[in-house]
Amino acid sequence: ADIQARAEGLEIVGIWHSHPDHPAQPSETDRAAAWEGWSYVIVEVTAHGVAALRSWRLEGQPFVEEPVSSS
């Protein structure tokens, strides 16, 4: 995806993933793999469906929550 994005003059600015039965906030595993400045959209999924969708950006050590808009 990175090679194709660069070939098209685009830049990857983040990723998304799900947390089944866990909150939509970064885990220690997420922190260990995170790149500063990227957005990490996390979807909390339960047996009843999507419970939450939140976005985070690593700024130094802490993650900072970013606003998410459906528009």
C-alpha atoms as a PDB file:
ATOM      1  CA  ALA A   1       0.000   0.000   0.000  1.00  0.00           C
ATOM      2  CA  ASP A   2       2.864   2.377   0.836  1.00  0.00           C
ATOM      3  CA  ILE A   3       4.546   1.848  -2.552  1.00  0.00           C
ATOM      4  CA  GLN A   4       1.287   2.363  -4.442  1.00  0.00           C
ATOM      5  CA  ALA A   5       0.405   5.468  -2.405  1.00  0.00           C
ATOM      6  CA  ARG A   6       3.799   7.035  -3.098  1.00  0.00           C
ATOM      7  CA  ALA A   7       3.510   6.205  -6.812  1.00  0.00           C
ATOM      8  CA  GLU A   8       0.214   8.101  -6.847  1.00  0.00           C
ATOM      9  CA  GLY A   9       1.629  11.062  -4.907  1.00  0.00           C
ATOM     10  CA  LEU A  10      -0.247  10.119  -1.751  1.00  0.00           C
ATOM     11  CA  GLU A  11       0.932   9.652   1.812  1.00  0.00           C
ATOM     12  CA  ILE A  12      -0.318   7.165   4.383  1.00  0.00           C
ATOM     13  CA  VAL A  13      -1.221   9.116   7.521  1.00  0.00           C
ATOM     14  CA  GLY A  14      -2.622   6.375   9.726  1.00  0.00           C
ATOM     15  CA  ILE A  15      -4.194   2.973  10.130  1.00  0.00           C
ATOM     16  CA  TRP A  16      -7.295   1.486  11.686  1.00  0.00           C
ATOM     17  CA  HIS A  17      -7.932  -1.729  13.538  1.00  0.00           C
ATOM     18  CA  SER A  18     -10.486  -3.294  15.838  1.00  0.00           C
ATOM     19  CA  HIS A  19     -10.446  -4.201  19.510  1.00  0.00           C
ATOM     20  CA  PRO A  20     -12.900  -7.071  19.982  1.00  0.00           C
ATOM     21  CA  ASP A  21     -14.432  -6.829  23.459  1.00  0.00           C
ATOM     22  CA  HIS A  22     -11.955  -4.131  24.529  1.00  0.00           C
ATOM     23  CA  PRO A  23     -12.231  -0.321  24.646  1.00  0.00           C
ATOM     24  CA  ALA A  24     -11.474   1.795  21.573  1.00  0.00           C
ATOM     25  CA  GLN A  25      -8.304   3.176  23.110  1.00  0.00           C
ATOM     26  CA  PRO A  26      -4.654   2.300  22.487  1.00  0.00           C
ATOM     27  CA  SER A  27      -3.284  -0.762  24.244  1.00  0.00           C
ATOM     28  CA  GLU A  28       0.320  -1.317  25.282  1.00  0.00           C
ATOM     29  CA  THR A  29       0.712  -3.453  22.143  1.00  0.00           C
ATOM     30  CA  ASP A  30      -0.565  -0.519  20.065  1.00  0.00           C
ATOM     31  CA  ARG A  31       1.891   1.825  21.786  1.00  0.00           C
ATOM     32  CA  ALA A  32       4.845  -0.484  21.108  1.00  0.00           C
ATOM     33  CA  ALA A  33       4.084  -0.522  17.366  1.00  0.00           C
ATOM     34  CA  ALA A  34       2.912   3.098  16.949  1.00  0.00           C
ATOM     35  CA  TRP A  35       4.635   5.718  14.822  1.00  0.00           C
ATOM     36  CA  GLU A  36       4.584   9.290  16.048  1.00  0.00           C
ATOM     37  CA  GLY A  37       2.360  11.577  14.014  1.00  0.00           C
ATOM     38  CA  TRP A  38       0.167   8.833  12.528  1.00  0.00           C
ATOM     39  CA  SER A  39      -3.535   8.545  13.297  1.00  0.00           C
ATOM     40  CA  TYR A  40      -4.736   5.276  14.824  1.00  0.00           C
ATOM     41  CA  VAL A  41      -8.461   4.726  14.399  1.00  0.00           C
ATOM     42  CA  ILE A  42      -9.654   2.006  16.769  1.00  0.00           C
ATOM     43  CA  VAL A  43     -13.059   0.349  16.563  1.00  0.00           C
ATOM     44  CA  GLU A  44     -14.473  -1.306  19.681  1.00  0.00           C
ATOM     45  CA  VAL A  45     -16.472  -4.357  18.612  1.00  0.00           C
ATOM     46  CA  THR A  46     -18.753  -6.325  20.946  1.00  0.00           C
ATOM     47  CA  ALA A  47     -21.150  -9.210  20.434  1.00  0.00           C
ATOM     48  CA  HIS A  48     -23.785  -6.522  19.706  1.00  0.00           C
ATOM     49  CA  GLY A  49     -21.748  -4.767  16.989  1.00  0.00           C
ATOM     50  CA  VAL A  50     -19.651  -1.613  16.917  1.00  0.00           C
ATOM     51  CA  ALA A  51     -19.686   0.043  20.340  1.00  0.00           C
ATOM     52  CA  ALA A  52     -17.261   2.904  19.662  1.00  0.00           C
ATOM     53  CA  LEU A  53     -14.942   4.392  17.060  1.00  0.00           C
ATOM     54  CA  ARG A  54     -12.157   6.685  18.273  1.00  0.00           C
ATOM     55  CA  SER A  55      -8.953   8.086  16.775  1.00  0.00           C
ATOM     56  CA  TRP A  56      -5.631   8.639  18.491  1.00  0.00           C
ATOM     57  CA  ARG A  57      -2.290  10.235  17.563  1.00  0.00           C
ATOM     58  CA  LEU A  58       0.982   9.464  19.313  1.00  0.00           C
ATOM     59  CA  GLU A  59       2.607  12.713  20.460  1.00  0.00           C
ATOM     60  CA  GLY A  60       5.697  11.902  22.486  1.00  0.00           C
ATOM     61  CA  GLN A  61       4.756   9.232  25.003  1.00  0.00           C
ATOM     62  CA  PRO A  62       1.051   9.864  25.400  1.00  0.00           C
ATOM     63  CA  PHE A  63      -1.607   9.208  22.798  1.00  0.00           C
ATOM     64  CA  VAL A  64      -3.856  12.213  22.224  1.00  0.00           C
ATOM     65  CA  GLU A  65      -7.437  11.637  21.147  1.00  0.00           C
ATOM     66  CA  GLU A  66      -8.446  13.220  17.847  1.00  0.00           C
ATOM     67  CA  PRO A  67     -11.964  14.248  16.900  1.00  0.00           C
ATOM     68  CA  VAL A  68     -13.816  11.892  14.530  1.00  0.00           C
ATOM     69  CA  SER A  69     -16.531  13.201  12.236  1.00  0.00           C
ATOM     70  CA  SER A  70     -18.937  11.238  10.063  1.00  0.00           C
ATOM     71  CA  SER A  71     -19.181  14.027   7.501  1.00  0.00           C
END
